[in-house]
Each structure stands twice: as structure tokens, then as C-alpha cells.
């Protein structure tokens, strides 16, 4: 028996629909691979003046 990553999800073990969702260009797989410090920097980048989010995306994110 040998381990071979799925050619579709590349070992992420998520459905294509889940992998298609991105925030600021990053997928959930990329986000969960970050350290706490890196994740804090990622959130700060999204909230900062040079955010990659559109005005609509920022309005959605503010709705808590």
C-alpha cells in the first residue's frame, strides 16, 4: 500500500467547491497552513489600506 495524493485536490481532502472559495486569493488550505503569527499578518493585510478585497467583500466581512 502506498500513499498517493489525489490529482484533483492534491492531498487537501476537500471537494472542488470548497477549494474554489478564496479570501484575498488564498484558499482554506493555505490559511490553515499558516502559523498564528502569519495568520494575524494575513488578517491585518485584509483590514489594511492595501487590502485585496473589493468594496463589496469588505462590506460582507464587516457583517458579523
PDB file of N, CA and C in Angstrom:
ATOM      1  N   UNK A   1       0.837  -1.168   0.000  1.00  0.00           N
ATOM      2  CA  UNK A   1       0.000   0.000   0.000  1.00  0.00           C
ATOM      3  C   UNK A   1       0.888   1.240   0.000  1.00  0.00           C
ATOM      4  N   UNK A   2       0.502   2.229  -0.787  1.00  0.00           N
ATOM      5  CA  UNK A   2       1.291   3.451  -0.812  1.00  0.00           C
ATOM      6  C   UNK A   2       0.361   4.661  -0.845  1.00  0.00           C
ATOM      7  N   UNK A   3       0.864   5.741  -0.353  1.00  0.00           N
ATOM      8  CA  UNK A   3       0.086   6.971  -0.315  1.00  0.00           C
ATOM      9  C   UNK A   3       0.367   7.793  -1.565  1.00  0.00           C
ATOM     10  N   UNK A   4      -0.697   8.149  -2.262  1.00  0.00           N
ATOM     11  CA  UNK A   4      -0.582   8.991  -3.450  1.00  0.00           C
ATOM     12  C   UNK A   4      -1.613  10.098  -3.323  1.00  0.00           C
ATOM     13  N   UNK A   5      -1.184  11.352  -3.351  1.00  0.00           N
ATOM     14  CA  UNK A   5      -2.155  12.442  -3.249  1.00  0.00           C
ATOM     15  C   UNK A   5      -3.133  12.431  -4.426  1.00  0.00           C
ATOM     16  N   UNK A   6      -4.365  12.770  -4.130  1.00  0.00           N
ATOM     17  CA  UNK A   6      -5.400  12.862  -5.163  1.00  0.00           C
ATOM     18  C   UNK A   6      -4.970  13.888  -6.207  1.00  0.00           C
ATOM     19  N   UNK A   7      -5.066  13.564  -7.485  1.00  0.00           N
ATOM     20  CA  UNK A   7      -4.647  14.523  -8.521  1.00  0.00           C
ATOM     21  C   UNK A   7      -5.566  15.743  -8.610  1.00  0.00           C
ATOM     22  N   UNK A   8      -6.776  15.636  -8.081  1.00  0.00           N
ATOM     23  CA  UNK A   8      -7.720  16.749  -8.167  1.00  0.00           C
ATOM     24  C   UNK A   8      -7.536  17.743  -7.021  1.00  0.00           C
ATOM     25  N   UNK A   9      -7.472  17.235  -5.792  1.00  0.00           N
ATOM     26  CA  UNK A   9      -7.349  18.133  -4.636  1.00  0.00           C
ATOM     27  C   UNK A   9      -5.906  18.254  -4.150  1.00  0.00           C
ATOM     28  N   UNK A  10      -5.016  17.463  -4.718  1.00  0.00           N
ATOM     29  CA  UNK A  10      -3.590  17.468  -4.367  1.00  0.00           C
ATOM     30  C   UNK A  10      -3.360  17.220  -2.873  1.00  0.00           C
ATOM     31  N   UNK A  11      -4.169  16.328  -2.303  1.00  0.00           N
ATOM     32  CA  UNK A  11      -3.992  15.938  -0.913  1.00  0.00           C
ATOM     33  C   UNK A  11      -4.719  16.807   0.094  1.00  0.00           C
ATOM     34  N   UNK A  12      -5.470  17.810  -0.361  1.00  0.00           N
ATOM     35  CA  UNK A  12      -6.175  18.698   0.563  1.00  0.00           C
ATOM     36  C   UNK A  12      -7.379  18.024   1.200  1.00  0.00           C
ATOM     37  N   UNK A  13      -7.885  16.996   0.580  1.00  0.00           N
ATOM     38  CA  UNK A  13      -9.042  16.229   1.074  1.00  0.00           C
ATOM     39  C   UNK A  13     -10.304  17.077   1.176  1.00  0.00           C
ATOM     40  N   UNK A  14     -10.456  17.996   0.244  1.00  0.00           N
ATOM     41  CA  UNK A  14     -11.649  18.837   0.181  1.00  0.00           C
ATOM     42  C   UNK A  14     -12.260  18.744  -1.202  1.00  0.00           C
ATOM     43  N   UNK A  15     -13.561  18.980  -1.257  1.00  0.00           N
ATOM     44  CA  UNK A  15     -14.262  18.975  -2.537  1.00  0.00           C
ATOM     45  C   UNK A  15     -13.839  20.185  -3.362  1.00  0.00           C
ATOM     46  N   UNK A  16     -13.939  20.077  -4.681  1.00  0.00           N
ATOM     47  CA  UNK A  16     -13.560  21.212  -5.540  1.00  0.00           C
ATOM     48  C   UNK A  16     -14.309  22.499  -5.184  1.00  0.00           C
ATOM     49  N   UNK A  17     -15.566  22.386  -4.782  1.00  0.00           N
ATOM     50  CA  UNK A  17     -16.335  23.590  -4.423  1.00  0.00           C
ATOM     51  C   UNK A  17     -15.714  24.292  -3.218  1.00  0.00           C
ATOM     52  N   UNK A  18     -15.227  23.532  -2.253  1.00  0.00           N
ATOM     53  CA  UNK A  18     -14.586  24.126  -1.075  1.00  0.00           C
ATOM     54  C   UNK A  18     -13.253  24.756  -1.440  1.00  0.00           C
ATOM     55  N   UNK A  19     -12.524  24.117  -2.312  1.00  0.00           N
ATOM     56  CA  UNK A  19     -11.221  24.644  -2.726  1.00  0.00           C
ATOM     57  C   UNK A  19     -11.348  25.867  -3.628  1.00  0.00           C
ATOM     58  N   UNK A  20     -12.530  26.047  -4.231  1.00  0.00           N
ATOM     59  CA  UNK A  20     -12.740  27.183  -5.132  1.00  0.00           C
ATOM     60  C   UNK A  20     -12.978  28.488  -4.374  1.00  0.00           C
ATOM     61  N   UNK A  21     -13.344  28.388  -3.096  1.00  0.00           N
ATOM     62  CA  UNK A  21     -13.599  29.588  -2.291  1.00  0.00           C
ATOM     63  C   UNK A  21     -12.272  30.170  -1.837  1.00  0.00           C
ATOM     64  N   UNK A  22     -12.082  31.462  -2.092  1.00  0.00           N
ATOM     65  CA  UNK A  22     -10.857  32.129  -1.671  1.00  0.00           C
ATOM     66  C   UNK A  22     -11.197  33.425  -0.948  1.00  0.00           C
ATOM     67  N   UNK A  23     -10.292  33.848  -0.096  1.00  0.00           N
ATOM     68  CA  UNK A  23     -10.376  35.148   0.565  1.00  0.00           C
ATOM     69  C   UNK A  23      -9.035  35.822   0.329  1.00  0.00           C
ATOM     70  N   UNK A  24      -9.085  36.917  -0.375  1.00  0.00           N
ATOM     71  CA  UNK A  24      -7.828  37.605  -0.690  1.00  0.00           C
ATOM     72  C   UNK A  24      -6.908  36.759  -1.538  1.00  0.00           C
ATOM     73  N   UNK A  25      -7.480  35.835  -2.299  1.00  0.00           N
ATOM     74  CA  UNK A  25      -6.697  34.974  -3.175  1.00  0.00           C
ATOM     75  C   UNK A  25      -6.183  33.702  -2.520  1.00  0.00           C
ATOM     76  N   UNK A  26      -6.473  33.516  -1.240  1.00  0.00           N
ATOM     77  CA  UNK A  26      -5.991  32.343  -0.515  1.00  0.00           C
ATOM     78  C   UNK A  26      -7.137  31.375  -0.219  1.00  0.00           C
ATOM     79  N   UNK A  27      -6.848  30.076  -0.293  1.00  0.00           N
ATOM     80  CA  UNK A  27      -7.839  29.041  -0.001  1.00  0.00           C
ATOM     81  C   UNK A  27      -7.771  28.669   1.479  1.00  0.00           C
ATOM     82  N   UNK A  28      -8.745  27.908   1.919  1.00  0.00           N
ATOM     83  CA  UNK A  28      -8.758  27.448   3.308  1.00  0.00           C
ATOM     84  C   UNK A  28      -7.540  26.569   3.601  1.00  0.00           C
ATOM     85  N   UNK A  29      -7.071  25.853   2.615  1.00  0.00           N
ATOM     86  CA  UNK A  29      -5.888  25.007   2.800  1.00  0.00           C
ATOM     87  C   UNK A  29      -4.666  25.880   3.075  1.00  0.00           C
ATOM     88  N   UNK A  30      -4.531  26.950   2.324  1.00  0.00           N
ATOM     89  CA  UNK A  30      -3.403  27.865   2.535  1.00  0.00           C
ATOM     90  C   UNK A  30      -3.497  28.558   3.891  1.00  0.00           C
ATOM     91  N   UNK A  31      -4.723  28.929   4.276  1.00  0.00           N
ATOM     92  CA  UNK A  31      -4.911  29.613   5.559  1.00  0.00           C
ATOM     93  C   UNK A  31      -4.574  28.716   6.744  1.00  0.00           C
ATOM     94  N   UNK A  32      -5.020  27.466   6.701  1.00  0.00           N
ATOM     95  CA  UNK A  32      -4.781  26.578   7.843  1.00  0.00           C
ATOM     96  C   UNK A  32      -3.328  26.143   7.946  1.00  0.00           C
ATOM     97  N   UNK A  33      -2.551  26.385   6.911  1.00  0.00           N
ATOM     98  CA  UNK A  33      -1.131  26.049   6.954  1.00  0.00           C
ATOM     99  C   UNK A  33      -0.296  27.162   7.606  1.00  0.00           C
ATOM    100  N   UNK A  34      -0.920  28.323   7.859  1.00  0.00           N
ATOM    101  CA  UNK A  34      -0.198  29.442   8.441  1.00  0.00           C
ATOM    102  C   UNK A  34      -0.018  29.258   9.946  1.00  0.00           C
ATOM    103  N   UNK A  35       1.055  29.825  10.453  1.00  0.00           N
ATOM    104  CA  UNK A  35       1.235  29.886  11.904  1.00  0.00           C
ATOM    105  C   UNK A  35       0.298  30.975  12.439  1.00  0.00           C
ATOM    106  N   UNK A  36       0.153  31.070  13.743  1.00  0.00           N
ATOM    107  CA  UNK A  36      -0.690  32.096  14.346  1.00  0.00           C
ATOM    108  C   UNK A  36      -0.176  33.484  13.962  1.00  0.00           C
ATOM    109  N   UNK A  37       1.107  33.677  14.030  1.00  0.00           N
ATOM    110  CA  UNK A  37       1.695  34.974  13.687  1.00  0.00           C
ATOM    111  C   UNK A  37       1.424  35.317  12.233  1.00  0.00           C
ATOM    112  N   UNK A  38       1.594  34.345  11.344  1.00  0.00           N
ATOM    113  CA  UNK A  38       1.323  34.584   9.923  1.00  0.00           C
ATOM    114  C   UNK A  38      -0.154  34.867   9.678  1.00  0.00           C
ATOM    115  N   UNK A  39      -1.028  34.158  10.390  1.00  0.00           N
ATOM    116  CA  UNK A  39      -2.466  34.372  10.235  1.00  0.00           C
ATOM    117  C   UNK A  39      -2.859  35.771  10.699  1.00  0.00           C
ATOM    118  N   UNK A  40      -2.269  36.246  11.782  1.00  0.00           N
ATOM    119  CA  UNK A  40      -2.540  37.608  12.246  1.00  0.00           C
ATOM    120  C   UNK A  40      -2.100  38.630  11.196  1.00  0.00           C
ATOM    121  N   UNK A  41      -0.966  38.406  10.576  1.00  0.00           N
ATOM    122  CA  UNK A  41      -0.498  39.284   9.500  1.00  0.00           C
ATOM    123  C   UNK A  41      -1.427  39.249   8.298  1.00  0.00           C
ATOM    124  N   UNK A  42      -1.955  38.063   7.999  1.00  0.00           N
ATOM    125  CA  UNK A  42      -2.883  37.900   6.872  1.00  0.00           C
ATOM    126  C   UNK A  42      -4.150  38.699   7.118  1.00  0.00           C
ATOM    127  N   UNK A  43      -4.686  38.602   8.345  1.00  0.00           N
ATOM    128  CA  UNK A  43      -5.900  39.348   8.696  1.00  0.00           C
ATOM    129  C   UNK A  43      -5.623  40.848   8.655  1.00  0.00           C
ATOM    130  N   UNK A  44      -4.486  41.260   9.165  1.00  0.00           N
ATOM    131  CA  UNK A  44      -4.130  42.682   9.142  1.00  0.00           C
ATOM    132  C   UNK A  44      -4.041  43.199   7.710  1.00  0.00           C
ATOM    133  N   UNK A  45      -3.523  42.381   6.812  1.00  0.00           N
ATOM    134  CA  UNK A  45      -3.427  42.776   5.399  1.00  0.00           C
ATOM    135  C   UNK A  45      -4.824  42.956   4.810  1.00  0.00           C
ATOM    136  N   UNK A  46      -5.755  42.100   5.194  1.00  0.00           N
ATOM    137  CA  UNK A  46      -7.119  42.217   4.679  1.00  0.00           C
ATOM    138  C   UNK A  46      -7.820  43.469   5.197  1.00  0.00           C
ATOM    139  N   UNK A  47      -7.483  43.866   6.421  1.00  0.00           N
ATOM    140  CA  UNK A  47      -8.116  45.030   7.032  1.00  0.00           C
ATOM    141  C   UNK A  47      -7.401  46.335   6.707  1.00  0.00           C
ATOM    142  N   UNK A  48      -6.199  46.249   6.174  1.00  0.00           N
ATOM    143  CA  UNK A  48      -5.399  47.439   5.923  1.00  0.00           C
ATOM    144  C   UNK A  48      -5.800  48.207   4.670  1.00  0.00           C
ATOM    145  N   UNK A  49      -5.120  49.315   4.427  1.00  0.00           N
ATOM    146  CA  UNK A  49      -5.448  50.173   3.276  1.00  0.00           C
ATOM    147  C   UNK A  49      -5.145  49.522   1.927  1.00  0.00           C
ATOM    148  N   UNK A  50      -4.224  48.589   1.894  1.00  0.00           N
ATOM    149  CA  UNK A  50      -3.865  47.914   0.636  1.00  0.00           C
ATOM    150  C   UNK A  50      -4.559  46.563   0.515  1.00  0.00           C
ATOM    151  N   UNK A  51      -5.768  46.447   1.056  1.00  0.00           N
ATOM    152  CA  UNK A  51      -6.498  45.184   1.058  1.00  0.00           C
ATOM    153  C   UNK A  51      -6.784  44.689  -0.357  1.00  0.00           C
ATOM    154  N   UNK A  52      -6.697  43.369  -0.561  1.00  0.00           N
ATOM    155  CA  UNK A  52      -7.047  42.815  -1.872  1.00  0.00           C
ATOM    156  C   UNK A  52      -8.557  42.628  -2.040  1.00  0.00           C
ATOM    157  N   UNK A  53      -9.342  42.959  -0.991  1.00  0.00           N
ATOM    158  CA  UNK A  53     -10.789  42.767  -1.042  1.00  0.00           C
ATOM    159  C   UNK A  53     -11.469  43.939  -1.750  1.00  0.00           C
ATOM    160  N   UNK A  54     -12.524  43.620  -2.491  1.00  0.00           N
ATOM    161  CA  UNK A  54     -13.317  44.662  -3.138  1.00  0.00           C
ATOM    162  C   UNK A  54     -14.190  45.354  -2.088  1.00  0.00           C
ATOM    163  N   UNK A  55     -14.835  46.440  -2.470  1.00  0.00           N
ATOM    164  CA  UNK A  55     -15.719  47.162  -1.550  1.00  0.00           C
ATOM    165  C   UNK A  55     -16.863  46.263  -1.087  1.00  0.00           C
ATOM    166  N   UNK A  56     -17.407  45.464  -1.985  1.00  0.00           N
ATOM    167  CA  UNK A  56     -18.499  44.549  -1.634  1.00  0.00           C
ATOM    168  C   UNK A  56     -18.002  43.494  -0.647  1.00  0.00           C
ATOM    169  N   UNK A  57     -16.825  42.933  -0.892  1.00  0.00           N
ATOM    170  CA  UNK A  57     -16.269  41.917   0.005  1.00  0.00           C
ATOM    171  C   UNK A  57     -15.996  42.501   1.389  1.00  0.00           C
ATOM    172  N   UNK A  58     -15.514  43.742   1.442  1.00  0.00           N
ATOM    173  CA  UNK A  58     -15.274  44.388   2.735  1.00  0.00           C
ATOM    174  C   UNK A  58     -16.586  44.596   3.482  1.00  0.00           C
ATOM    175  N   UNK A  59     -17.645  44.984   2.775  1.00  0.00           N
ATOM    176  CA  UNK A  59     -18.956  45.183   3.412  1.00  0.00           C
ATOM    177  C   UNK A  59     -19.488  43.862   3.962  1.00  0.00           C
ATOM    178  N   UNK A  60     -19.310  42.775   3.224  1.00  0.00           N
ATOM    179  CA  UNK A  60     -19.737  41.455   3.697  1.00  0.00           C
ATOM    180  C   UNK A  60     -18.946  41.046   4.927  1.00  0.00           C
ATOM    181  N   UNK A  61     -17.658  41.307   4.925  1.00  0.00           N
ATOM    182  CA  UNK A  61     -16.795  40.923   6.051  1.00  0.00           C
ATOM    183  C   UNK A  61     -17.150  41.693   7.318  1.00  0.00           C
ATOM    184  N   UNK A  62     -17.634  42.914   7.182  1.00  0.00           N
ATOM    185  CA  UNK A  62     -17.996  43.711   8.354  1.00  0.00           C
ATOM    186  C   UNK A  62     -19.264  43.220   9.017  1.00  0.00           C
ATOM    187  N   UNK A  63     -20.086  42.489   8.316  1.00  0.00           N
ATOM    188  CA  UNK A  63     -21.342  41.987   8.873  1.00  0.00           C
ATOM    189  C   UNK A  63     -21.040  40.792   9.766  1.00  0.00           C
ATOM    190  N   UNK A  64     -21.042  40.985  11.027  1.00  0.00           N
ATOM    191  CA  UNK A  64     -20.683  39.915  11.957  1.00  0.00           C
ATOM    192  C   UNK A  64     -21.865  39.402  12.675  1.00  0.00           C
TER     193      UNK A  64
END
